[in-house]
PDB file of all heavy atoms in Angstrom:
ATOM      1  N   TYR A   1      22.717  72.582  27.093  1.00  0.00           N
ATOM      2  CA  TYR A   1      22.229  72.144  25.767  1.00  0.00           C
ATOM      3  C   TYR A   1      22.427  70.639  25.639  1.00  0.00           C
ATOM      4  O   TYR A   1      23.468  70.094  26.037  1.00  0.00           O
ATOM      5  CB  TYR A   1      22.971  72.843  24.621  1.00  0.00           C
ATOM      6  CG  TYR A   1      22.597  72.298  23.260  1.00  0.00           C
ATOM      7  CD1 TYR A   1      21.405  72.671  22.637  1.00  0.00           C
ATOM      8  CD2 TYR A   1      23.417  71.365  22.609  1.00  0.00           C
ATOM      9  CE1 TYR A   1      21.047  72.151  21.391  1.00  0.00           C
ATOM     10  CE2 TYR A   1      23.070  70.845  21.360  1.00  0.00           C
ATOM     11  CZ  TYR A   1      21.885  71.244  20.773  1.00  0.00           C
ATOM     12  OH  TYR A   1      21.542  70.724  19.545  1.00  0.00           O
ATOM     13  N   THR A   2      21.421  69.944  25.106  1.00  0.00           N
ATOM     14  CA  THR A   2      21.544  68.506  24.856  1.00  0.00           C
ATOM     15  C   THR A   2      20.913  68.145  23.514  1.00  0.00           C
ATOM     16  O   THR A   2      19.920  68.744  23.114  1.00  0.00           O
ATOM     17  CB  THR A   2      20.876  67.687  25.985  1.00  0.00           C
ATOM     18  OG1 THR A   2      21.101  66.306  25.761  1.00  0.00           O
ATOM     19  CG2 THR A   2      19.391  67.950  26.047  1.00  0.00           C
ATOM     20  N   TYR A   3      21.561  67.173  22.877  1.00  0.00           N
ATOM     21  CA  TYR A   3      21.063  66.710  21.569  1.00  0.00           C
ATOM     22  C   TYR A   3      21.081  65.187  21.560  1.00  0.00           C
ATOM     23  O   TYR A   3      22.096  64.558  21.867  1.00  0.00           O
ATOM     24  CB  TYR A   3      21.926  67.229  20.423  1.00  0.00           C
ATOM     25  CG  TYR A   3      21.477  66.681  19.088  1.00  0.00           C
ATOM     26  CD1 TYR A   3      20.372  67.200  18.416  1.00  0.00           C
ATOM     27  CD2 TYR A   3      22.139  65.588  18.508  1.00  0.00           C
ATOM     28  CE1 TYR A   3      19.957  66.691  17.200  1.00  0.00           C
ATOM     29  CE2 TYR A   3      21.734  65.056  17.278  1.00  0.00           C
ATOM     30  CZ  TYR A   3      20.635  65.623  16.634  1.00  0.00           C
ATOM     31  OH  TYR A   3      20.212  65.095  15.445  1.00  0.00           O
ATOM     32  N   THR A   4      19.929  64.589  21.223  1.00  0.00           N
ATOM     33  CA  THR A   4      19.785  63.153  21.059  1.00  0.00           C
ATOM     34  C   THR A   4      18.972  62.921  19.793  1.00  0.00           C
ATOM     35  O   THR A   4      17.820  63.390  19.693  1.00  0.00           O
ATOM     36  CB  THR A   4      19.063  62.498  22.247  1.00  0.00           C
ATOM     37  OG1 THR A   4      19.781  62.769  23.445  1.00  0.00           O
ATOM     38  CG2 THR A   4      18.958  60.987  22.057  1.00  0.00           C
ATOM     39  N   PRO A   5      19.516  62.251  18.797  1.00  0.00           N
ATOM     40  CA  PRO A   5      18.762  62.034  17.551  1.00  0.00           C
ATOM     41  C   PRO A   5      17.588  61.075  17.760  1.00  0.00           C
ATOM     42  O   PRO A   5      17.570  60.261  18.692  1.00  0.00           O
ATOM     43  CB  PRO A   5      19.795  61.443  16.596  1.00  0.00           C
ATOM     44  CG  PRO A   5      20.802  60.784  17.493  1.00  0.00           C
ATOM     45  CD  PRO A   5      20.860  61.622  18.718  1.00  0.00           C
ATOM     46  N   PHE A   6      16.626  61.184  16.878  1.00  0.00           N
ATOM     47  CA  PHE A   6      15.410  60.328  16.965  1.00  0.00           C
ATOM     48  C   PHE A   6      15.761  58.905  16.525  1.00  0.00           C
ATOM     49  O   PHE A   6      16.428  58.696  15.520  1.00  0.00           O
ATOM     50  CB  PHE A   6      14.323  60.877  16.063  1.00  0.00           C
ATOM     51  CG  PHE A   6      13.155  59.956  15.905  1.00  0.00           C
ATOM     52  CD1 PHE A   6      12.267  59.725  16.936  1.00  0.00           C
ATOM     53  CD2 PHE A   6      12.988  59.237  14.708  1.00  0.00           C
ATOM     54  CE1 PHE A   6      11.213  58.850  16.783  1.00  0.00           C
ATOM     55  CE2 PHE A   6      11.925  58.360  14.545  1.00  0.00           C
ATOM     56  CZ  PHE A   6      11.031  58.181  15.593  1.00  0.00           C
ATOM     57  N   ARG A   7      15.285  57.934  17.314  1.00  0.00           N
ATOM     58  CA  ARG A   7      15.341  56.529  16.954  1.00  0.00           C
ATOM     59  C   ARG A   7      13.929  55.952  17.156  1.00  0.00           C
ATOM     60  O   ARG A   7      13.323  56.138  18.218  1.00  0.00           O
ATOM     61  CB  ARG A   7      16.346  55.758  17.826  1.00  0.00           C
ATOM     62  CG  ARG A   7      17.798  56.156  17.596  1.00  0.00           C
ATOM     63  CD  ARG A   7      18.287  55.750  16.208  1.00  0.00           C
ATOM     64  NE  ARG A   7      19.723  55.993  16.064  1.00  0.00           N
ATOM     65  CZ  ARG A   7      20.242  57.117  15.593  1.00  0.00           C
ATOM     66  NH1 ARG A   7      19.433  58.140  15.249  1.00  0.00           N
ATOM     67  NH2 ARG A   7      21.543  57.268  15.476  1.00  0.00           N
ATOM     68  N   GLU A   8      13.453  55.232  16.172  1.00  0.00           N
ATOM     69  CA  GLU A   8      12.123  54.604  16.283  1.00  0.00           C
ATOM     70  C   GLU A   8      12.145  53.549  17.405  1.00  0.00           C
ATOM     71  O   GLU A   8      12.965  52.625  17.370  1.00  0.00           O
ATOM     72  CB  GLU A   8      11.743  53.963  14.963  1.00  0.00           C
ATOM     73  CG  GLU A   8      10.382  53.291  14.984  1.00  0.00           C
ATOM     74  CD  GLU A   8       9.261  54.246  15.318  1.00  0.00           C
ATOM     75  OE1 GLU A   8       9.154  55.301  14.642  1.00  0.00           O
ATOM     76  OE2 GLU A   8       8.511  53.939  16.256  1.00  0.00           O
ATOM     77  N   GLN A   9      11.246  53.672  18.337  1.00  0.00           N
ATOM     78  CA  GLN A   9      11.257  52.778  19.484  1.00  0.00           C
ATOM     79  C   GLN A   9       9.851  52.255  19.833  1.00  0.00           C
ATOM     80  O   GLN A   9       9.665  51.672  20.898  1.00  0.00           O
ATOM     81  CB  GLN A   9      11.837  53.508  20.722  1.00  0.00           C
ATOM     82  CG  GLN A   9      13.246  54.041  20.477  1.00  0.00           C
ATOM     83  CD  GLN A   9      13.746  54.922  21.607  1.00  0.00           C
ATOM     84  OE1 GLN A   9      13.701  54.548  22.774  1.00  0.00           O
ATOM     85  NE2 GLN A   9      14.190  56.127  21.249  1.00  0.00           N
ATOM     86  N   SER A  10       8.897  52.482  18.952  1.00  0.00           N
ATOM     87  CA  SER A  10       7.520  52.115  19.267  1.00  0.00           C
ATOM     88  C   SER A  10       7.339  50.619  19.384  1.00  0.00           C
ATOM     89  O   SER A  10       6.389  50.141  20.013  1.00  0.00           O
ATOM     90  CB  SER A  10       6.570  52.674  18.212  1.00  0.00           C
ATOM     91  OG  SER A  10       6.917  52.198  16.917  1.00  0.00           O
ATOM     92  N   ASP A  11       8.236  49.817  18.767  1.00  0.00           N
ATOM     93  CA  ASP A  11       8.080  48.364  18.850  1.00  0.00           C
ATOM     94  C   ASP A  11       8.788  47.799  20.077  1.00  0.00           C
ATOM     95  O   ASP A  11       8.759  46.578  20.307  1.00  0.00           O
ATOM     96  CB  ASP A  11       8.640  47.705  17.576  1.00  0.00           C
ATOM     97  CG  ASP A  11      10.079  48.105  17.307  1.00  0.00           C
ATOM     98  OD1 ASP A  11      10.556  49.081  17.950  1.00  0.00           O
ATOM     99  OD2 ASP A  11      10.732  47.463  16.464  1.00  0.00           O
ATOM    100  N   ILE A  12       9.425  48.628  20.874  1.00  0.00           N
ATOM    101  CA  ILE A  12      10.102  48.176  22.078  1.00  0.00           C
ATOM    102  C   ILE A  12       9.106  48.184  23.245  1.00  0.00           C
ATOM    103  O   ILE A  12       8.462  49.197  23.501  1.00  0.00           O
ATOM    104  CB  ILE A  12      11.305  49.083  22.413  1.00  0.00           C
ATOM    105  CG1 ILE A  12      12.363  49.006  21.285  1.00  0.00           C
ATOM    106  CG2 ILE A  12      11.928  48.687  23.745  1.00  0.00           C
ATOM    107  CD1 ILE A  12      13.534  49.929  21.518  1.00  0.00           C
ATOM    108  N   PRO A  13       8.943  47.065  23.940  1.00  0.00           N
ATOM    109  CA  PRO A  13       8.017  47.061  25.085  1.00  0.00           C
ATOM    110  C   PRO A  13       8.549  47.946  26.217  1.00  0.00           C
ATOM    111  O   PRO A  13       9.752  48.218  26.298  1.00  0.00           O
ATOM    112  CB  PRO A  13       7.988  45.581  25.497  1.00  0.00           C
ATOM    113  CG  PRO A  13       9.288  45.032  25.032  1.00  0.00           C
ATOM    114  CD  PRO A  13       9.615  45.772  23.754  1.00  0.00           C
ATOM    115  N   VAL A  14       7.635  48.387  27.051  1.00  0.00           N
ATOM    116  CA  VAL A  14       8.015  49.226  28.200  1.00  0.00           C
ATOM    117  C   VAL A  14       8.078  48.353  29.436  1.00  0.00           C
ATOM    118  O   VAL A  14       7.039  47.941  29.976  1.00  0.00           O
ATOM    119  CB  VAL A  14       7.029  50.391  28.382  1.00  0.00           C
ATOM    120  CG1 VAL A  14       7.367  51.174  29.635  1.00  0.00           C
ATOM    121  CG2 VAL A  14       7.023  51.283  27.160  1.00  0.00           C
ATOM    122  N   PHE A  15       9.286  48.043  29.868  1.00  0.00           N
ATOM    123  CA  PHE A  15       9.478  47.247  31.075  1.00  0.00           C
ATOM    124  C   PHE A  15       9.581  48.114  32.330  1.00  0.00           C
ATOM    125  O   PHE A  15       8.996  47.807  33.355  1.00  0.00           O
ATOM    126  CB  PHE A  15      10.746  46.395  30.952  1.00  0.00           C
ATOM    127  CG  PHE A  15      10.615  45.291  29.927  1.00  0.00           C
ATOM    128  CD1 PHE A  15      11.585  45.123  28.954  1.00  0.00           C
ATOM    129  CD2 PHE A  15       9.544  44.429  29.932  1.00  0.00           C
ATOM    130  CE1 PHE A  15      11.486  44.110  28.009  1.00  0.00           C
ATOM    131  CE2 PHE A  15       9.425  43.408  28.994  1.00  0.00           C
ATOM    132  CZ  PHE A  15      10.399  43.253  28.032  1.00  0.00           C
ATOM    133  N   ASP A  16      10.375  49.196  32.269  1.00  0.00           N
ATOM    134  CA  ASP A  16      10.581  50.006  33.462  1.00  0.00           C
ATOM    135  C   ASP A  16      10.708  51.492  33.165  1.00  0.00           C
ATOM    136  O   ASP A  16      11.246  52.244  33.961  1.00  0.00           O
ATOM    137  CB  ASP A  16      11.839  49.542  34.213  1.00  0.00           C
ATOM    138  CG  ASP A  16      13.111  49.644  33.356  1.00  0.00           C
ATOM    139  OD1 ASP A  16      13.027  50.129  32.222  1.00  0.00           O
ATOM    140  OD2 ASP A  16      14.199  49.256  33.859  1.00  0.00           O
ATOM    141  N   SER A  17      10.205  51.968  32.038  1.00  0.00           N
ATOM    142  CA  SER A  17      10.292  53.377  31.682  1.00  0.00           C
ATOM    143  C   SER A  17       8.988  54.100  31.965  1.00  0.00           C
ATOM    144  O   SER A  17       7.901  53.520  31.881  1.00  0.00           O
ATOM    145  CB  SER A  17      10.662  53.548  30.199  1.00  0.00           C
ATOM    146  OG  SER A  17      12.027  53.306  29.983  1.00  0.00           O
ATOM    147  N   SER A  18       9.112  55.370  32.329  1.00  0.00           N
ATOM    148  CA  SER A  18       7.960  56.249  32.499  1.00  0.00           C
ATOM    149  C   SER A  18       8.428  57.673  32.232  1.00  0.00           C
ATOM    150  O   SER A  18       9.631  57.955  32.230  1.00  0.00           O
ATOM    151  CB  SER A  18       7.369  56.119  33.907  1.00  0.00           C
ATOM    152  OG  SER A  18       8.325  56.513  34.886  1.00  0.00           O
ATOM    153  N   ALA A  19       7.497  58.567  32.004  1.00  0.00           N
ATOM    154  CA  ALA A  19       7.838  59.960  31.777  1.00  0.00           C
ATOM    155  C   ALA A  19       8.221  60.625  33.106  1.00  0.00           C
ATOM    156  O   ALA A  19       7.557  60.438  34.111  1.00  0.00           O
ATOM    157  CB  ALA A  19       6.677  60.701  31.130  1.00  0.00           C
ATOM    158  N   ARG A  20       9.289  61.372  33.079  1.00  0.00           N
ATOM    159  CA  ARG A  20       9.702  62.105  34.266  1.00  0.00           C
ATOM    160  C   ARG A  20       8.775  63.314  34.488  1.00  0.00           C
ATOM    161  O   ARG A  20       8.394  63.993  33.558  1.00  0.00           O
ATOM    162  CB  ARG A  20      11.131  62.633  34.144  1.00  0.00           C
ATOM    163  CG  ARG A  20      12.197  61.528  34.043  1.00  0.00           C
ATOM    164  CD  ARG A  20      13.566  62.181  33.936  1.00  0.00           C
ATOM    165  NE  ARG A  20      14.627  61.212  33.688  1.00  0.00           N
ATOM    166  CZ  ARG A  20      15.334  60.591  34.652  1.00  0.00           C
ATOM    167  NH1 ARG A  20      15.069  60.869  35.912  1.00  0.00           N
ATOM    168  NH2 ARG A  20      16.271  59.723  34.346  1.00  0.00           N
ATOM    169  N   SER A  21       8.453  63.553  35.735  1.00  0.00           N
ATOM    170  CA  SER A  21       7.693  64.750  36.072  1.00  0.00           C
ATOM    171  C   SER A  21       8.613  65.950  35.943  1.00  0.00           C
ATOM    172  O   SER A  21       9.761  65.935  36.403  1.00  0.00           O
ATOM    173  CB  SER A  21       7.141  64.668  37.508  1.00  0.00           C
ATOM    174  OG  SER A  21       6.260  63.558  37.632  1.00  0.00           O
ATOM    175  N   LEU A  22       8.091  66.990  35.322  1.00  0.00           N
ATOM    176  CA  LEU A  22       8.914  68.184  35.109  1.00  0.00           C
ATOM    177  C   LEU A  22       9.134  68.916  36.419  1.00  0.00           C
ATOM    178  O   LEU A  22       8.192  69.216  37.140  1.00  0.00           O
ATOM    179  CB  LEU A  22       8.238  69.114  34.096  1.00  0.00           C
ATOM    180  CG  LEU A  22       9.019  70.375  33.727  1.00  0.00           C
ATOM    181  CD1 LEU A  22      10.337  70.023  33.051  1.00  0.00           C
ATOM    182  CD2 LEU A  22       8.176  71.273  32.819  1.00  0.00           C
ATOM    183  N   ASN A  23      10.377  69.131  36.728  1.00  0.00           N
ATOM    184  CA  ASN A  23      10.737  69.972  37.886  1.00  0.00           C
ATOM    185  C   ASN A  23      12.024  70.709  37.547  1.00  0.00           C
ATOM    186  O   ASN A  23      12.578  70.564  36.449  1.00  0.00           O
ATOM    187  CB  ASN A  23      10.888  69.139  39.162  1.00  0.00           C
ATOM    188  CG  ASN A  23      11.891  67.999  39.014  1.00  0.00           C
ATOM    189  OD1 ASN A  23      12.980  68.176  38.482  1.00  0.00           O
ATOM    190  ND2 ASN A  23      11.498  66.824  39.473  1.00  0.00           N
ATOM    191  N   TYR A  24      12.537  71.495  38.459  1.00  0.00           N
ATOM    192  CA  TYR A  24      13.693  72.331  38.165  1.00  0.00           C
ATOM    193  C   TYR A  24      14.902  71.491  37.829  1.00  0.00           C
ATOM    194  O   TYR A  24      15.644  71.781  36.884  1.00  0.00           O
ATOM    195  CB  TYR A  24      13.965  73.269  39.332  1.00  0.00           C
ATOM    196  CG  TYR A  24      15.037  74.300  38.998  1.00  0.00           C
ATOM    197  CD1 TYR A  24      14.735  75.421  38.248  1.00  0.00           C
ATOM    198  CD2 TYR A  24      16.362  74.130  39.446  1.00  0.00           C
ATOM    199  CE1 TYR A  24      15.701  76.348  37.938  1.00  0.00           C
ATOM    200  CE2 TYR A  24      17.324  75.053  39.145  1.00  0.00           C
ATOM    201  CZ  TYR A  24      17.000  76.163  38.383  1.00  0.00           C
ATOM    202  OH  TYR A  24      17.975  77.084  38.060  1.00  0.00           O
ATOM    203  N   ASN A  25      15.152  70.406  38.551  1.00  0.00           N
ATOM    204  CA  ASN A  25      16.317  69.577  38.279  1.00  0.00           C
ATOM    205  C   ASN A  25      16.200  68.869  36.918  1.00  0.00           C
ATOM    206  O   ASN A  25      17.199  68.598  36.250  1.00  0.00           O
ATOM    207  CB  ASN A  25      16.506  68.528  39.391  1.00  0.00           C
ATOM    208  CG  ASN A  25      16.931  69.176  40.705  1.00  0.00           C
ATOM    209  OD1 ASN A  25      17.601  70.202  40.701  1.00  0.00           O
ATOM    210  ND2 ASN A  25      16.542  68.567  41.800  1.00  0.00           N
ATOM    211  N   GLN A  26      14.971  68.545  36.515  1.00  0.00           N
ATOM    212  CA  GLN A  26      14.765  67.873  35.235  1.00  0.00           C
ATOM    213  C   GLN A  26      15.133  68.742  34.051  1.00  0.00           C
ATOM    214  O   GLN A  26      15.353  68.241  32.945  1.00  0.00           O
ATOM    215  CB  GLN A  26      13.301  67.433  35.150  1.00  0.00           C
ATOM    216  CG  GLN A  26      12.924  66.698  33.877  1.00  0.00           C
ATOM    217  CD  GLN A  26      13.708  65.392  33.686  1.00  0.00           C
ATOM    218  OE1 GLN A  26      14.221  64.846  34.648  1.00  0.00           O
ATOM    219  NE2 GLN A  26      13.808  64.927  32.443  1.00  0.00           N
ATOM    220  N   LEU A  27      15.246  70.057  34.254  1.00  0.00           N
ATOM    221  CA  LEU A  27      15.664  70.954  33.176  1.00  0.00           C
ATOM    222  C   LEU A  27      17.059  70.591  32.663  1.00  0.00           C
ATOM    223  O   LEU A  27      17.415  70.931  31.535  1.00  0.00           O
ATOM    224  CB  LEU A  27      15.649  72.393  33.653  1.00  0.00           C
ATOM    225  CG  LEU A  27      14.263  72.999  33.989  1.00  0.00           C
ATOM    226  CD1 LEU A  27      14.481  74.413  34.555  1.00  0.00           C
ATOM    227  CD2 LEU A  27      13.361  73.042  32.780  1.00  0.00           C
ATOM    228  N   PHE A  28      17.855  69.904  33.491  1.00  0.00           N
ATOM    229  CA  PHE A  28      19.257  69.653  33.146  1.00  0.00           C
ATOM    230  C   PHE A  28      19.515  68.144  32.943  1.00  0.00           C
ATOM    231  O   PHE A  28      20.664  67.694  33.058  1.00  0.00           O
ATOM    232  CB  PHE A  28      20.160  70.207  34.255  1.00  0.00           C
ATOM    233  CG  PHE A  28      19.857  71.633  34.603  1.00  0.00           C
ATOM    234  CD1 PHE A  28      19.090  71.928  35.706  1.00  0.00           C
ATOM    235  CD2 PHE A  28      20.308  72.657  33.796  1.00  0.00           C
ATOM    236  CE1 PHE A  28      18.777  73.235  36.028  1.00  0.00           C
ATOM    237  CE2 PHE A  28      20.026  73.972  34.109  1.00  0.00           C
ATOM    238  CZ  PHE A  28      19.240  74.271  35.218  1.00  0.00           C
ATOM    239  N   ALA A  29      18.454  67.374  32.675  1.00  0.00           N
ATOM    240  CA  ALA A  29      18.599  65.946  32.416  1.00  0.00           C
ATOM    241  C   ALA A  29      18.626  65.699  30.906  1.00  0.00           C
ATOM    242  O   ALA A  29      17.922  66.346  30.142  1.00  0.00           O
ATOM    243  CB  ALA A  29      17.456  65.157  33.048  1.00  0.00           C
ATOM    244  N   GLU A  30      19.454  64.728  30.478  1.00  0.00           N
ATOM    245  CA  GLU A  30      19.533  64.435  29.057  1.00  0.00           C
ATOM    246  C   GLU A  30      18.293  63.684  28.546  1.00  0.00           C
ATOM    247  O   GLU A  30      17.872  63.885  27.415  1.00  0.00           O
ATOM    248  CB  GLU A  30      20.782  63.587  28.768  1.00  0.00           C
ATOM    249  CG  GLU A  30      22.095  64.343  28.974  1.00  0.00           C
ATOM    250  CD  GLU A  30      23.300  63.493  28.610  1.00  0.00           C
ATOM    251  OE1 GLU A  30      23.104  62.288  28.323  1.00  0.00           O
ATOM    252  OE2 GLU A  30      24.420  64.002  28.627  1.00  0.00           O
ATOM    253  N   ASN A  31      17.716  62.812  29.369  1.00  0.00           N
ATOM    254  CA  ASN A  31      16.616  61.987  28.934  1.00  0.00           C
ATOM    255  C   ASN A  31      15.347  62.367  29.705  1.00  0.00           C
ATOM    256  O   ASN A  31      15.367  62.495  30.933  1.00  0.00           O
ATOM    257  CB  ASN A  31      16.921  60.505  29.162  1.00  0.00           C
ATOM    258  CG  ASN A  31      15.915  59.582  28.502  1.00  0.00           C
ATOM    259  OD1 ASN A  31      15.106  59.999  27.686  1.00  0.00           O
ATOM    260  ND2 ASN A  31      15.938  58.312  28.893  1.00  0.00           N
ATOM    261  N   ARG A  32      14.227  62.534  29.035  1.00  0.00           N
ATOM    262  CA  ARG A  32      12.981  62.884  29.685  1.00  0.00           C
ATOM    263  C   ARG A  32      12.227  61.684  30.199  1.00  0.00           C
ATOM    264  O   ARG A  32      11.110  61.827  30.720  1.00  0.00           O
ATOM    265  CB  ARG A  32      12.097  63.708  28.738  1.00  0.00           C
ATOM    266  CG  ARG A  32      11.635  62.986  27.488  1.00  0.00           C
ATOM    267  CD  ARG A  32      10.753  63.880  26.648  1.00  0.00           C
ATOM    268  NE  ARG A  32      10.231  63.209  25.439  1.00  0.00           N
ATOM    269  CZ  ARG A  32      10.837  63.190  24.279  1.00  0.00           C
ATOM    270  NH1 ARG A  32      12.007  63.820  24.137  1.00  0.00           N
ATOM    271  NH2 ARG A  32      10.313  62.568  23.235  1.00  0.00           N
ATOM    272  N   PHE A  33      12.794  60.472  30.018  1.00  0.00           N
ATOM    273  CA  PHE A  33      12.175  59.256  30.496  1.00  0.00           C
ATOM    274  C   PHE A  33      13.060  58.613  31.564  1.00  0.00           C
ATOM    275  O   PHE A  33      14.292  58.732  31.534  1.00  0.00           O
ATOM    276  CB  PHE A  33      11.952  58.238  29.370  1.00  0.00           C
ATOM    277  CG  PHE A  33      11.033  58.717  28.291  1.00  0.00           C
ATOM    278  CD1 PHE A  33      11.558  59.227  27.112  1.00  0.00           C
ATOM    279  CD2 PHE A  33       9.664  58.699  28.464  1.00  0.00           C
ATOM    280  CE1 PHE A  33      10.710  59.653  26.104  1.00  0.00           C
ATOM    281  CE2 PHE A  33       8.815  59.122  27.469  1.00  0.00           C
ATOM    282  CZ  PHE A  33       9.320  59.620  26.291  1.00  0.00           C
ATOM    283  N   THR A  34      12.412  57.893  32.494  1.00  0.00           N
ATOM    284  CA  THR A  34      13.164  57.054  33.422  1.00  0.00           C
ATOM    285  C   THR A  34      13.413  55.687  32.762  1.00  0.00           C
ATOM    286  O   THR A  34      12.813  55.357  31.752  1.00  0.00           O
ATOM    287  CB  THR A  34      12.370  56.835  34.728  1.00  0.00           C
ATOM    288  OG1 THR A  34      11.165  56.115  34.422  1.00  0.00           O
ATOM    289  CG2 THR A  34      11.996  58.158  35.374  1.00  0.00           C
ATOM    290  N   GLY A  35      14.279  54.890  33.345  1.00  0.00           N
ATOM    291  CA  GLY A  35      14.542  53.542  32.813  1.00  0.00           C
ATOM    292  C   GLY A  35      15.332  53.600  31.520  1.00  0.00           C
ATOM    293  O   GLY A  35      15.929  54.607  31.141  1.00  0.00           O
ATOM    294  N   LYS A  36      15.307  52.460  30.775  1.00  0.00           N
ATOM    295  CA  LYS A  36      16.129  52.316  29.579  1.00  0.00           C
ATOM    296  C   LYS A  36      15.326  51.934  28.334  1.00  0.00           C
ATOM    297  O   LYS A  36      15.922  51.768  27.282  1.00  0.00           O
ATOM    298  CB  LYS A  36      17.235  51.274  29.825  1.00  0.00           C
ATOM    299  CG  LYS A  36      18.164  51.614  30.981  1.00  0.00           C
ATOM    300  CD  LYS A  36      19.180  50.513  31.179  1.00  0.00           C
ATOM    301  CE  LYS A  36      20.185  50.903  32.274  1.00  0.00           C
ATOM    302  NZ  LYS A  36      19.550  50.997  33.595  1.00  0.00           N
ATOM    303  N   ASP A  37      14.015  51.796  28.464  1.00  0.00           N
ATOM    304  CA  ASP A  37      13.217  51.390  27.306  1.00  0.00           C
ATOM    305  C   ASP A  37      12.835  52.544  26.384  1.00  0.00           C
ATOM    306  O   ASP A  37      12.410  52.315  25.252  1.00  0.00           O
ATOM    307  CB  ASP A  37      11.923  50.704  27.777  1.00  0.00           C
ATOM    308  CG  ASP A  37      12.246  49.458  28.580  1.00  0.00           C
ATOM    309  OD1 ASP A  37      13.149  48.694  28.189  1.00  0.00           O
ATOM    310  OD2 ASP A  37      11.568  49.259  29.628  1.00  0.00           O
TER     311      ASP A  37
END
């Protein structure tokens, strides 16, 4: 189980983030995005 509250981030540019491809290991990741943006 993981919980992360919503924070508005639409005004933050995307330097190195992308959506992770769903796979079995991704089921246990806290963040569904790569990078930090």
